[in-house]
Amino acid sequence: MKKLTAKQQRILDFVETYIDSNQESPTLFNIQSFLGVKALSTVHQHIKALETKGYLERDANSNRGINYVMNAGKFIGQFIRIPMVGTIIAGYPIEAVEDVSEYIQLPARDFSTLEQYFALKVKGDSMIDSYIAEGDVIVALKTAQVRDGDMVVALNRDGEATLKYFFTEGKKIRLQPANPKYSPIILPKGDVLIQGKVVKVIRNY
């Protein structure tokens, strides 16, 4: 990829930091304010240069349409869009609902291009001792291959979902909360379907 000027690198770093903090892209006005320039056309020129050099892409129909670009599996100031598929109870299981109504954007350096991820908003307090509270968002790697001690998104036979630590105990699975007021969920292996392994927690401060 083509080398960036110092100002272009500043803009790219700002876009990365903004999306990491807000889970959405900045507007051109946000970038204008950051640069401290009077003319919006100056921002347009820099964004266009970053598009031409292959670092950003922009949806002209959206005022927050600045998105990352992948380059040969390497991420340079880029971002990944992860589907938000609903809410998960950190407490007693509830019926799982997978409805992709929105996406979050996170720095792509934290993720593999060869894997699939999904995000869920947390309700309940059964994982509070692991500092996961109501309103936080968990990002999970979509996989059924997990190890004892992994934090997982699990479904039971009735299609109810929960967020717990995973342990095998002979022919059974123990889904362990991180709050002493909740009892572990112990089920036969055939009654548990692992949907994903938690790889990131976004705190709702």
N, C-alpha and C. Protein backbone atom coordinates (compact mmCIF):
# COMPACT_ATOMS: atom_id res chain seq x y z
N MET A 1 0.84 -1.19 0.00
CA MET A 1 0.00 0.00 0.00
C MET A 1 0.87 1.24 0.00
N LYS A 2 0.33 2.32 -0.55
CA LYS A 2 1.11 3.55 -0.68
C LYS A 2 1.34 4.22 0.67
N LYS A 3 2.48 4.88 0.77
CA LYS A 3 2.86 5.54 2.01
C LYS A 3 1.94 6.72 2.30
N LEU A 4 1.67 6.95 3.59
CA LEU A 4 0.80 8.04 4.00
C LEU A 4 1.61 9.26 4.40
N THR A 5 1.00 10.43 4.20
CA THR A 5 1.59 11.65 4.76
C THR A 5 1.31 11.68 6.25
N ALA A 6 1.99 12.56 6.96
CA ALA A 6 1.79 12.66 8.41
C ALA A 6 0.34 12.99 8.74
N LYS A 7 -0.28 13.90 7.97
CA LYS A 7 -1.66 14.30 8.25
C LYS A 7 -2.62 13.15 7.95
N GLN A 8 -2.36 12.42 6.87
CA GLN A 8 -3.21 11.28 6.54
C GLN A 8 -3.13 10.22 7.64
N GLN A 9 -1.94 10.01 8.18
CA GLN A 9 -1.79 9.04 9.27
C GLN A 9 -2.53 9.51 10.51
N ARG A 10 -2.51 10.83 10.78
CA ARG A 10 -3.26 11.38 11.92
C ARG A 10 -4.75 11.12 11.75
N ILE A 11 -5.26 11.32 10.54
CA ILE A 11 -6.69 11.08 10.28
C ILE A 11 -7.02 9.61 10.45
N LEU A 12 -6.17 8.74 9.92
CA LEU A 12 -6.41 7.31 10.04
C LEU A 12 -6.41 6.89 11.50
N ASP A 13 -5.47 7.40 12.28
CA ASP A 13 -5.42 7.08 13.71
C ASP A 13 -6.66 7.61 14.43
N PHE A 14 -7.12 8.81 14.03
CA PHE A 14 -8.32 9.38 14.65
C PHE A 14 -9.54 8.51 14.35
N VAL A 15 -9.69 8.09 13.10
CA VAL A 15 -10.82 7.25 12.72
C VAL A 15 -10.80 5.95 13.53
N GLU A 16 -9.62 5.36 13.69
CA GLU A 16 -9.50 4.12 14.46
C GLU A 16 -9.91 4.33 15.91
N THR A 17 -9.40 5.39 16.52
CA THR A 17 -9.71 5.67 17.93
C THR A 17 -11.19 5.98 18.11
N TYR A 18 -11.76 6.74 17.17
CA TYR A 18 -13.17 7.13 17.26
C TYR A 18 -14.07 5.89 17.20
N ILE A 19 -13.82 5.01 16.25
CA ILE A 19 -14.66 3.82 16.11
C ILE A 19 -14.49 2.90 17.31
N ASP A 20 -13.26 2.80 17.81
CA ASP A 20 -13.01 1.96 18.97
C ASP A 20 -13.78 2.46 20.18
N SER A 21 -13.91 3.77 20.32
CA SER A 21 -14.58 4.37 21.48
C SER A 21 -16.09 4.44 21.33
N ASN A 22 -16.58 4.62 20.09
CA ASN A 22 -18.00 4.89 19.86
C ASN A 22 -18.75 3.79 19.13
N GLN A 23 -18.02 2.78 18.62
CA GLN A 23 -18.63 1.69 17.84
C GLN A 23 -19.41 2.21 16.62
N GLU A 24 -18.99 3.33 16.09
CA GLU A 24 -19.52 3.85 14.84
C GLU A 24 -18.48 4.76 14.21
N SER A 25 -18.61 4.97 12.91
CA SER A 25 -17.63 5.79 12.20
C SER A 25 -17.85 7.26 12.49
N PRO A 26 -16.77 8.06 12.43
CA PRO A 26 -16.94 9.50 12.58
C PRO A 26 -17.54 10.12 11.32
N THR A 27 -18.17 11.27 11.48
CA THR A 27 -18.61 12.04 10.32
C THR A 27 -17.45 12.90 9.81
N LEU A 28 -17.64 13.48 8.64
CA LEU A 28 -16.63 14.40 8.13
C LEU A 28 -16.49 15.61 9.05
N PHE A 29 -17.59 16.01 9.69
CA PHE A 29 -17.53 17.14 10.62
C PHE A 29 -16.71 16.79 11.86
N ASN A 30 -16.80 15.53 12.32
CA ASN A 30 -15.97 15.09 13.44
C ASN A 30 -14.49 15.21 13.08
N ILE A 31 -14.16 14.79 11.87
CA ILE A 31 -12.77 14.84 11.42
C ILE A 31 -12.33 16.29 11.23
N GLN A 32 -13.23 17.12 10.72
CA GLN A 32 -12.92 18.54 10.55
C GLN A 32 -12.60 19.18 11.90
N SER A 33 -13.40 18.86 12.91
CA SER A 33 -13.17 19.40 14.25
C SER A 33 -11.84 18.92 14.80
N PHE A 34 -11.52 17.66 14.60
CA PHE A 34 -10.26 17.10 15.07
C PHE A 34 -9.06 17.79 14.42
N LEU A 35 -9.16 18.04 13.11
CA LEU A 35 -8.04 18.67 12.41
C LEU A 35 -7.93 20.16 12.68
N GLY A 36 -9.08 20.76 13.04
CA GLY A 36 -9.09 22.20 13.28
C GLY A 36 -8.98 23.01 12.00
N VAL A 37 -9.54 22.49 10.90
CA VAL A 37 -9.51 23.20 9.62
C VAL A 37 -10.86 23.87 9.38
N LYS A 38 -10.85 24.96 8.62
CA LYS A 38 -12.08 25.72 8.38
C LYS A 38 -12.91 25.14 7.24
N ALA A 39 -12.25 24.57 6.25
CA ALA A 39 -12.96 24.12 5.05
C ALA A 39 -13.21 22.61 5.10
N LEU A 40 -14.47 22.22 4.93
CA LEU A 40 -14.80 20.79 4.88
C LEU A 40 -14.18 20.13 3.65
N SER A 41 -13.95 20.95 2.62
CA SER A 41 -13.35 20.41 1.40
C SER A 41 -11.95 19.84 1.67
N THR A 42 -11.25 20.41 2.66
CA THR A 42 -9.93 19.89 3.02
C THR A 42 -10.04 18.47 3.56
N VAL A 43 -11.07 18.22 4.37
CA VAL A 43 -11.30 16.88 4.89
C VAL A 43 -11.64 15.92 3.74
N HIS A 44 -12.49 16.38 2.82
CA HIS A 44 -12.84 15.56 1.66
C HIS A 44 -11.58 15.13 0.91
N GLN A 45 -10.66 16.06 0.73
CA GLN A 45 -9.44 15.76 -0.02
C GLN A 45 -8.62 14.68 0.67
N HIS A 46 -8.50 14.79 1.99
CA HIS A 46 -7.71 13.79 2.72
C HIS A 46 -8.38 12.42 2.71
N ILE A 47 -9.72 12.40 2.90
CA ILE A 47 -10.43 11.12 2.87
C ILE A 47 -10.34 10.49 1.49
N LYS A 48 -10.45 11.31 0.46
CA LYS A 48 -10.34 10.80 -0.90
C LYS A 48 -8.96 10.21 -1.14
N ALA A 49 -7.92 10.87 -0.62
CA ALA A 49 -6.55 10.36 -0.77
C ALA A 49 -6.40 9.01 -0.06
N LEU A 50 -7.01 8.89 1.14
CA LEU A 50 -6.94 7.63 1.87
C LEU A 50 -7.72 6.52 1.15
N GLU A 51 -8.81 6.89 0.49
CA GLU A 51 -9.54 5.93 -0.33
C GLU A 51 -8.69 5.47 -1.51
N THR A 52 -8.08 6.44 -2.19
CA THR A 52 -7.26 6.14 -3.37
C THR A 52 -6.08 5.24 -3.01
N LYS A 53 -5.51 5.47 -1.83
CA LYS A 53 -4.37 4.67 -1.39
C LYS A 53 -4.79 3.32 -0.80
N GLY A 54 -6.10 3.12 -0.64
CA GLY A 54 -6.59 1.81 -0.23
C GLY A 54 -6.72 1.59 1.26
N TYR A 55 -6.68 2.67 2.07
CA TYR A 55 -6.78 2.53 3.52
C TYR A 55 -8.21 2.66 4.03
N LEU A 56 -9.04 3.43 3.34
CA LEU A 56 -10.42 3.63 3.74
C LEU A 56 -11.32 3.45 2.53
N GLU A 57 -12.59 3.15 2.81
CA GLU A 57 -13.62 3.22 1.79
C GLU A 57 -14.79 3.97 2.39
N ARG A 58 -15.55 4.64 1.53
CA ARG A 58 -16.63 5.49 2.04
C ARG A 58 -17.91 5.28 1.27
N ASP A 59 -19.01 5.12 2.01
CA ASP A 59 -20.34 5.05 1.43
C ASP A 59 -20.87 6.48 1.33
N ALA A 60 -21.00 6.98 0.13
CA ALA A 60 -21.41 8.37 -0.09
C ALA A 60 -22.84 8.63 0.38
N ASN A 61 -23.63 7.55 0.59
CA ASN A 61 -25.02 7.71 1.00
C ASN A 61 -25.19 7.77 2.52
N SER A 62 -24.08 7.68 3.25
CA SER A 62 -24.15 7.70 4.71
C SER A 62 -23.18 8.73 5.25
N ASN A 63 -23.65 9.52 6.22
CA ASN A 63 -22.75 10.52 6.81
C ASN A 63 -21.76 9.87 7.78
N ARG A 64 -21.97 8.58 8.08
CA ARG A 64 -21.02 7.82 8.88
C ARG A 64 -20.56 6.59 8.09
N GLY A 65 -20.27 6.80 6.84
CA GLY A 65 -19.97 5.69 5.94
C GLY A 65 -18.51 5.42 5.71
N ILE A 66 -17.63 5.88 6.62
CA ILE A 66 -16.20 5.62 6.47
C ILE A 66 -15.90 4.25 7.06
N ASN A 67 -15.39 3.35 6.24
CA ASN A 67 -15.15 1.97 6.68
C ASN A 67 -13.73 1.54 6.38
N TYR A 68 -13.32 0.47 7.05
CA TYR A 68 -12.00 -0.09 6.87
C TYR A 68 -11.88 -0.82 5.53
N VAL A 69 -10.66 -1.06 5.12
CA VAL A 69 -10.37 -1.84 3.92
C VAL A 69 -9.36 -2.91 4.29
N MET A 70 -9.61 -4.14 3.87
CA MET A 70 -8.66 -5.23 4.10
C MET A 70 -7.64 -5.26 2.97
N ASN A 71 -6.41 -5.60 3.33
CA ASN A 71 -5.36 -5.68 2.32
C ASN A 71 -4.50 -6.91 2.55
N ALA A 72 -4.75 -7.94 1.74
CA ALA A 72 -3.95 -9.16 1.78
C ALA A 72 -3.84 -9.73 3.20
N GLY A 73 -4.93 -9.67 3.94
CA GLY A 73 -4.96 -10.24 5.28
C GLY A 73 -4.28 -9.40 6.33
N LYS A 74 -3.73 -8.25 5.96
CA LYS A 74 -3.05 -7.39 6.94
C LYS A 74 -3.94 -6.19 7.23
N PHE A 75 -4.04 -5.83 8.51
CA PHE A 75 -4.89 -4.73 8.90
C PHE A 75 -4.02 -3.54 9.26
N ILE A 76 -4.26 -2.40 8.63
CA ILE A 76 -3.51 -1.18 8.92
C ILE A 76 -4.52 -0.08 9.18
N GLY A 77 -4.76 0.21 10.46
CA GLY A 77 -5.74 1.22 10.79
C GLY A 77 -7.12 0.88 10.28
N GLN A 78 -7.47 -0.40 10.28
CA GLN A 78 -8.71 -0.87 9.69
C GLN A 78 -9.62 -1.44 10.76
N PHE A 79 -10.87 -1.72 10.34
CA PHE A 79 -11.88 -2.14 11.28
C PHE A 79 -12.72 -3.27 10.72
N ILE A 80 -13.31 -4.02 11.62
CA ILE A 80 -14.16 -5.14 11.23
C ILE A 80 -15.57 -4.87 11.74
N ARG A 81 -16.57 -5.19 10.89
CA ARG A 81 -17.97 -5.04 11.28
C ARG A 81 -18.45 -6.37 11.83
N ILE A 82 -18.99 -6.33 13.04
CA ILE A 82 -19.44 -7.55 13.70
C ILE A 82 -20.94 -7.44 13.95
N PRO A 83 -21.72 -8.45 13.54
CA PRO A 83 -23.17 -8.37 13.71
C PRO A 83 -23.58 -8.46 15.17
N MET A 84 -24.48 -7.57 15.59
CA MET A 84 -25.09 -7.63 16.92
C MET A 84 -26.36 -8.46 16.77
N VAL A 85 -26.34 -9.67 17.35
CA VAL A 85 -27.43 -10.61 17.08
C VAL A 85 -28.46 -10.69 18.19
N GLY A 86 -28.42 -9.74 19.12
CA GLY A 86 -29.46 -9.72 20.13
C GLY A 86 -28.91 -9.57 21.53
N THR A 87 -29.64 -10.14 22.49
CA THR A 87 -29.33 -10.03 23.91
C THR A 87 -29.17 -11.41 24.51
N ILE A 88 -28.23 -11.54 25.44
CA ILE A 88 -28.04 -12.81 26.13
C ILE A 88 -28.13 -12.58 27.63
N ILE A 89 -28.76 -13.53 28.30
CA ILE A 89 -28.92 -13.41 29.74
C ILE A 89 -27.68 -13.95 30.45
N ALA A 90 -27.08 -13.12 31.29
CA ALA A 90 -26.04 -13.59 32.22
C ALA A 90 -26.77 -13.88 33.52
N GLY A 91 -27.47 -14.98 33.55
CA GLY A 91 -28.33 -15.34 34.67
C GLY A 91 -29.01 -16.63 34.28
N TYR A 92 -30.31 -16.66 34.37
CA TYR A 92 -31.02 -17.84 33.95
C TYR A 92 -31.21 -17.81 32.43
N PRO A 93 -31.21 -18.99 31.78
CA PRO A 93 -31.35 -19.01 30.32
C PRO A 93 -32.68 -18.42 29.86
N ILE A 94 -32.64 -17.83 28.67
CA ILE A 94 -33.86 -17.38 28.00
C ILE A 94 -33.82 -17.88 26.57
N GLU A 95 -34.95 -17.77 25.90
CA GLU A 95 -35.01 -18.21 24.51
C GLU A 95 -34.06 -17.39 23.65
N ALA A 96 -33.29 -18.06 22.81
CA ALA A 96 -32.31 -17.38 21.95
C ALA A 96 -33.02 -16.76 20.76
N VAL A 97 -32.69 -15.51 20.49
CA VAL A 97 -33.24 -14.81 19.32
C VAL A 97 -32.06 -14.23 18.56
N GLU A 98 -31.90 -14.66 17.31
CA GLU A 98 -30.80 -14.16 16.49
C GLU A 98 -31.38 -13.25 15.40
N ASP A 99 -31.29 -11.96 15.64
CA ASP A 99 -31.84 -10.96 14.73
C ASP A 99 -30.79 -9.88 14.51
N VAL A 100 -30.17 -9.89 13.34
CA VAL A 100 -29.10 -8.93 13.07
C VAL A 100 -29.72 -7.58 12.73
N SER A 101 -29.85 -6.74 13.76
CA SER A 101 -30.47 -5.43 13.57
C SER A 101 -29.44 -4.32 13.46
N GLU A 102 -28.19 -4.61 13.86
CA GLU A 102 -27.15 -3.59 13.80
C GLU A 102 -25.78 -4.26 13.80
N TYR A 103 -24.78 -3.45 13.56
CA TYR A 103 -23.40 -3.93 13.57
C TYR A 103 -22.57 -3.01 14.47
N ILE A 104 -21.50 -3.56 15.02
CA ILE A 104 -20.52 -2.73 15.71
C ILE A 104 -19.21 -2.82 14.94
N GLN A 105 -18.39 -1.78 15.03
CA GLN A 105 -17.10 -1.77 14.36
C GLN A 105 -16.01 -1.75 15.41
N LEU A 106 -15.03 -2.65 15.25
CA LEU A 106 -13.94 -2.76 16.20
C LEU A 106 -12.62 -2.84 15.44
N PRO A 107 -11.51 -2.49 16.08
CA PRO A 107 -10.22 -2.57 15.39
C PRO A 107 -9.95 -3.99 14.91
N ALA A 108 -9.67 -4.14 13.64
CA ALA A 108 -9.49 -5.46 13.04
C ALA A 108 -8.23 -6.16 13.52
N ARG A 109 -7.29 -5.41 14.10
CA ARG A 109 -6.06 -6.04 14.57
C ARG A 109 -6.33 -7.06 15.68
N ASP A 110 -7.50 -6.95 16.33
CA ASP A 110 -7.82 -7.86 17.43
C ASP A 110 -8.49 -9.16 16.96
N PHE A 111 -8.71 -9.30 15.65
CA PHE A 111 -9.50 -10.42 15.15
C PHE A 111 -8.82 -11.10 13.96
N SER A 112 -9.20 -12.32 13.71
CA SER A 112 -8.67 -13.08 12.58
C SER A 112 -9.59 -12.93 11.38
N THR A 113 -9.01 -12.76 10.21
CA THR A 113 -9.82 -12.66 8.98
C THR A 113 -10.40 -14.01 8.59
N LEU A 114 -9.93 -15.09 9.20
CA LEU A 114 -10.37 -16.43 8.82
C LEU A 114 -11.50 -16.96 9.69
N GLU A 115 -11.96 -16.14 10.64
CA GLU A 115 -12.98 -16.59 11.59
C GLU A 115 -14.23 -15.71 11.50
N GLN A 116 -15.33 -16.23 12.08
CA GLN A 116 -16.58 -15.48 12.16
C GLN A 116 -16.84 -15.08 13.61
N TYR A 117 -17.40 -13.88 13.79
CA TYR A 117 -17.68 -13.36 15.12
C TYR A 117 -19.10 -12.83 15.18
N PHE A 118 -19.65 -12.75 16.40
CA PHE A 118 -20.93 -12.11 16.61
C PHE A 118 -20.90 -11.42 17.97
N ALA A 119 -21.80 -10.46 18.15
CA ALA A 119 -21.85 -9.70 19.40
C ALA A 119 -23.24 -9.83 20.02
N LEU A 120 -23.26 -9.78 21.36
CA LEU A 120 -24.51 -9.85 22.12
C LEU A 120 -24.45 -8.87 23.28
N LYS A 121 -25.58 -8.24 23.54
CA LYS A 121 -25.67 -7.36 24.71
C LYS A 121 -26.07 -8.18 25.92
N VAL A 122 -25.46 -7.90 27.06
CA VAL A 122 -25.65 -8.69 28.27
C VAL A 122 -26.79 -8.13 29.12
N LYS A 123 -27.63 -9.04 29.63
CA LYS A 123 -28.62 -8.72 30.65
C LYS A 123 -28.35 -9.62 31.85
N GLY A 124 -28.59 -9.12 33.04
CA GLY A 124 -28.41 -9.94 34.22
C GLY A 124 -27.03 -9.77 34.84
N ASP A 125 -26.83 -10.46 35.97
CA ASP A 125 -25.61 -10.24 36.75
C ASP A 125 -24.89 -11.52 37.15
N SER A 126 -25.16 -12.63 36.47
CA SER A 126 -24.54 -13.89 36.90
C SER A 126 -23.05 -13.96 36.58
N MET A 127 -22.53 -13.01 35.78
CA MET A 127 -21.10 -13.00 35.47
C MET A 127 -20.41 -11.78 36.08
N ILE A 128 -21.03 -11.22 37.10
CA ILE A 128 -20.55 -9.95 37.66
C ILE A 128 -19.17 -10.08 38.29
N ASP A 129 -18.83 -11.25 38.84
CA ASP A 129 -17.51 -11.43 39.45
C ASP A 129 -16.41 -11.49 38.40
N SER A 130 -16.79 -11.63 37.14
CA SER A 130 -15.83 -11.52 36.02
C SER A 130 -15.93 -10.15 35.37
N TYR A 131 -16.55 -9.22 36.11
CA TYR A 131 -16.67 -7.82 35.68
C TYR A 131 -17.47 -7.68 34.38
N ILE A 132 -18.48 -8.53 34.23
CA ILE A 132 -19.41 -8.42 33.10
C ILE A 132 -20.77 -8.07 33.68
N ALA A 133 -21.23 -6.86 33.35
CA ALA A 133 -22.46 -6.33 33.95
C ALA A 133 -23.52 -6.11 32.88
N GLU A 134 -24.72 -5.88 33.34
CA GLU A 134 -25.82 -5.59 32.41
C GLU A 134 -25.49 -4.37 31.57
N GLY A 135 -25.74 -4.48 30.27
CA GLY A 135 -25.45 -3.40 29.33
C GLY A 135 -24.12 -3.55 28.62
N ASP A 136 -23.23 -4.40 29.17
CA ASP A 136 -21.98 -4.68 28.46
C ASP A 136 -22.29 -5.46 27.18
N VAL A 137 -21.33 -5.47 26.28
CA VAL A 137 -21.45 -6.23 25.03
C VAL A 137 -20.31 -7.25 24.99
N ILE A 138 -20.65 -8.50 24.70
CA ILE A 138 -19.60 -9.51 24.52
C ILE A 138 -19.48 -9.81 23.03
N VAL A 139 -18.24 -10.05 22.60
CA VAL A 139 -17.96 -10.48 21.23
C VAL A 139 -17.48 -11.92 21.32
N ALA A 140 -18.09 -12.78 20.53
CA ALA A 140 -17.77 -14.21 20.58
C ALA A 140 -17.29 -14.72 19.24
N LEU A 141 -16.31 -15.60 19.28
CA LEU A 141 -15.87 -16.35 18.11
C LEU A 141 -16.88 -17.45 17.87
N LYS A 142 -17.38 -17.56 16.65
CA LYS A 142 -18.38 -18.57 16.34
C LYS A 142 -17.69 -19.93 16.20
N THR A 143 -17.82 -20.76 17.24
CA THR A 143 -17.18 -22.06 17.27
C THR A 143 -17.85 -22.95 18.29
N ALA A 144 -17.76 -24.25 18.07
CA ALA A 144 -18.23 -25.22 19.06
C ALA A 144 -17.04 -25.87 19.76
N GLN A 145 -15.82 -25.52 19.37
CA GLN A 145 -14.61 -26.11 19.93
C GLN A 145 -14.11 -25.23 21.08
N VAL A 146 -14.40 -25.64 22.29
CA VAL A 146 -14.00 -24.86 23.46
C VAL A 146 -13.32 -25.77 24.48
N ARG A 147 -12.64 -25.14 25.43
CA ARG A 147 -11.94 -25.87 26.48
C ARG A 147 -12.51 -25.52 27.85
N ASP A 148 -12.23 -26.38 28.82
CA ASP A 148 -12.65 -26.08 30.18
C ASP A 148 -12.11 -24.72 30.62
N GLY A 149 -13.00 -23.91 31.19
CA GLY A 149 -12.61 -22.58 31.64
C GLY A 149 -12.93 -21.48 30.67
N ASP A 150 -13.27 -21.84 29.42
CA ASP A 150 -13.65 -20.82 28.45
C ASP A 150 -15.01 -20.24 28.81
N MET A 151 -15.18 -18.94 28.57
CA MET A 151 -16.49 -18.33 28.70
C MET A 151 -17.23 -18.51 27.38
N VAL A 152 -18.44 -19.05 27.43
CA VAL A 152 -19.13 -19.45 26.21
C VAL A 152 -20.55 -18.91 26.15
N VAL A 153 -21.06 -18.86 24.94
CA VAL A 153 -22.49 -18.68 24.67
C VAL A 153 -23.03 -20.07 24.39
N ALA A 154 -23.94 -20.53 25.23
CA ALA A 154 -24.44 -21.91 25.12
C ALA A 154 -25.95 -21.93 24.99
N LEU A 155 -26.43 -22.92 24.22
CA LEU A 155 -27.86 -23.18 24.09
C LEU A 155 -28.18 -24.52 24.71
N ASN A 156 -29.33 -24.62 25.39
CA ASN A 156 -29.78 -25.94 25.82
C ASN A 156 -30.71 -26.53 24.76
N ARG A 157 -31.22 -27.72 25.03
CA ARG A 157 -32.03 -28.43 24.03
C ARG A 157 -33.29 -27.66 23.66
N ASP A 158 -33.79 -26.81 24.58
CA ASP A 158 -35.00 -26.04 24.32
C ASP A 158 -34.71 -24.73 23.59
N GLY A 159 -33.45 -24.51 23.21
CA GLY A 159 -33.10 -23.30 22.48
C GLY A 159 -32.94 -22.08 23.35
N GLU A 160 -32.72 -22.30 24.66
CA GLU A 160 -32.49 -21.20 25.58
C GLU A 160 -31.00 -20.91 25.66
N ALA A 161 -30.65 -19.64 25.66
CA ALA A 161 -29.24 -19.23 25.62
C ALA A 161 -28.79 -18.67 26.96
N THR A 162 -27.51 -18.85 27.25
CA THR A 162 -26.93 -18.29 28.46
C THR A 162 -25.45 -18.04 28.26
N LEU A 163 -24.90 -17.18 29.11
CA LEU A 163 -23.48 -16.84 29.10
C LEU A 163 -22.85 -17.39 30.38
N LYS A 164 -21.92 -18.33 30.24
CA LYS A 164 -21.33 -18.98 31.41
C LYS A 164 -19.92 -19.49 31.08
N TYR A 165 -19.20 -19.92 32.13
CA TYR A 165 -17.95 -20.64 31.95
C TYR A 165 -18.25 -22.11 31.67
N PHE A 166 -17.45 -22.72 30.80
CA PHE A 166 -17.69 -24.09 30.33
C PHE A 166 -16.75 -25.07 31.03
N PHE A 167 -17.33 -26.18 31.53
CA PHE A 167 -16.52 -27.26 32.10
C PHE A 167 -17.15 -28.60 31.73
N THR A 168 -16.32 -29.60 31.46
CA THR A 168 -16.81 -30.96 31.23
C THR A 168 -16.65 -31.75 32.52
N GLU A 169 -17.66 -32.57 32.83
CA GLU A 169 -17.63 -33.42 34.02
C GLU A 169 -18.18 -34.78 33.62
N GLY A 170 -17.29 -35.63 33.12
CA GLY A 170 -17.72 -36.94 32.64
C GLY A 170 -18.62 -36.80 31.43
N LYS A 171 -19.84 -37.28 31.54
CA LYS A 171 -20.79 -37.21 30.44
C LYS A 171 -21.69 -35.97 30.52
N LYS A 172 -21.34 -35.07 31.42
CA LYS A 172 -22.15 -33.86 31.60
C LYS A 172 -21.33 -32.60 31.35
N ILE A 173 -22.05 -31.52 31.13
CA ILE A 173 -21.46 -30.19 30.96
C ILE A 173 -21.91 -29.32 32.13
N ARG A 174 -20.95 -28.62 32.74
CA ARG A 174 -21.29 -27.65 33.79
C ARG A 174 -21.09 -26.24 33.24
N LEU A 175 -22.15 -25.46 33.28
CA LEU A 175 -22.10 -24.06 32.87
C LEU A 175 -22.08 -23.23 34.14
N GLN A 176 -20.90 -22.67 34.43
CA GLN A 176 -20.64 -22.08 35.74
C GLN A 176 -20.79 -20.56 35.70
N PRO A 177 -21.66 -20.00 36.55
CA PRO A 177 -21.76 -18.55 36.65
C PRO A 177 -20.59 -17.97 37.43
N ALA A 178 -20.46 -16.66 37.40
CA ALA A 178 -19.43 -15.97 38.18
C ALA A 178 -20.11 -15.04 39.17
N ASN A 179 -21.05 -15.62 39.91
CA ASN A 179 -21.79 -14.90 40.93
C ASN A 179 -22.34 -15.97 41.89
N PRO A 180 -21.95 -15.94 43.17
CA PRO A 180 -22.33 -17.02 44.09
C PRO A 180 -23.83 -17.16 44.33
N LYS A 181 -24.61 -16.17 43.95
CA LYS A 181 -26.05 -16.30 44.19
C LYS A 181 -26.74 -17.16 43.12
N TYR A 182 -25.99 -17.53 42.07
CA TYR A 182 -26.54 -18.39 41.02
C TYR A 182 -25.91 -19.78 41.11
N SER A 183 -26.70 -20.81 40.90
CA SER A 183 -26.20 -22.18 40.86
C SER A 183 -25.70 -22.52 39.46
N PRO A 184 -24.72 -23.40 39.36
CA PRO A 184 -24.29 -23.84 38.03
C PRO A 184 -25.40 -24.61 37.31
N ILE A 185 -25.36 -24.58 36.01
CA ILE A 185 -26.29 -25.35 35.18
C ILE A 185 -25.56 -26.60 34.73
N ILE A 186 -26.08 -27.78 35.09
CA ILE A 186 -25.43 -29.05 34.75
C ILE A 186 -26.37 -29.84 33.85
N LEU A 187 -25.88 -30.17 32.65
CA LEU A 187 -26.71 -30.83 31.65
C LEU A 187 -25.93 -31.95 30.98
N PRO A 188 -26.62 -32.97 30.44
CA PRO A 188 -25.94 -33.97 29.62
C PRO A 188 -25.28 -33.30 28.41
N LYS A 189 -24.16 -33.86 27.97
CA LYS A 189 -23.44 -33.26 26.84
C LYS A 189 -24.34 -33.07 25.62
N GLY A 190 -25.23 -34.01 25.39
CA GLY A 190 -26.10 -33.93 24.23
C GLY A 190 -27.14 -32.84 24.31
N ASP A 191 -27.30 -32.25 25.49
CA ASP A 191 -28.31 -31.21 25.68
C ASP A 191 -27.72 -29.80 25.62
N VAL A 192 -26.43 -29.69 25.32
CA VAL A 192 -25.77 -28.38 25.28
C VAL A 192 -25.16 -28.16 23.89
N LEU A 193 -25.48 -27.03 23.31
CA LEU A 193 -24.90 -26.64 22.02
C LEU A 193 -24.11 -25.35 22.24
N ILE A 194 -22.80 -25.42 22.02
CA ILE A 194 -21.96 -24.25 22.18
C ILE A 194 -22.01 -23.42 20.90
N GLN A 195 -22.42 -22.18 21.04
CA GLN A 195 -22.53 -21.27 19.90
C GLN A 195 -21.25 -20.49 19.64
N GLY A 196 -20.51 -20.20 20.72
CA GLY A 196 -19.31 -19.40 20.53
C GLY A 196 -18.53 -19.24 21.82
N LYS A 197 -17.28 -18.80 21.66
CA LYS A 197 -16.38 -18.53 22.78
C LYS A 197 -16.15 -17.03 22.88
N VAL A 198 -16.32 -16.48 24.07
CA VAL A 198 -16.16 -15.04 24.27
C VAL A 198 -14.68 -14.66 24.12
N VAL A 199 -14.43 -13.65 23.27
CA VAL A 199 -13.06 -13.20 23.02
C VAL A 199 -12.85 -11.74 23.40
N LYS A 200 -13.96 -11.02 23.64
CA LYS A 200 -13.81 -9.61 23.99
C LYS A 200 -15.05 -9.14 24.73
N VAL A 201 -14.85 -8.26 25.71
CA VAL A 201 -15.95 -7.63 26.44
C VAL A 201 -15.84 -6.12 26.27
N ILE A 202 -16.93 -5.49 25.86
CA ILE A 202 -16.97 -4.03 25.71
C ILE A 202 -17.79 -3.50 26.88
N ARG A 203 -17.13 -2.79 27.77
CA ARG A 203 -17.78 -2.33 29.00
C ARG A 203 -18.74 -1.17 28.71
N ASN A 204 -19.86 -1.17 29.43
CA ASN A 204 -20.84 -0.09 29.31
C ASN A 204 -20.63 0.89 30.46
N TYR A 205 -19.55 1.64 30.39
CA TYR A 205 -19.25 2.60 31.46
C TYR A 205 -20.17 3.80 31.38
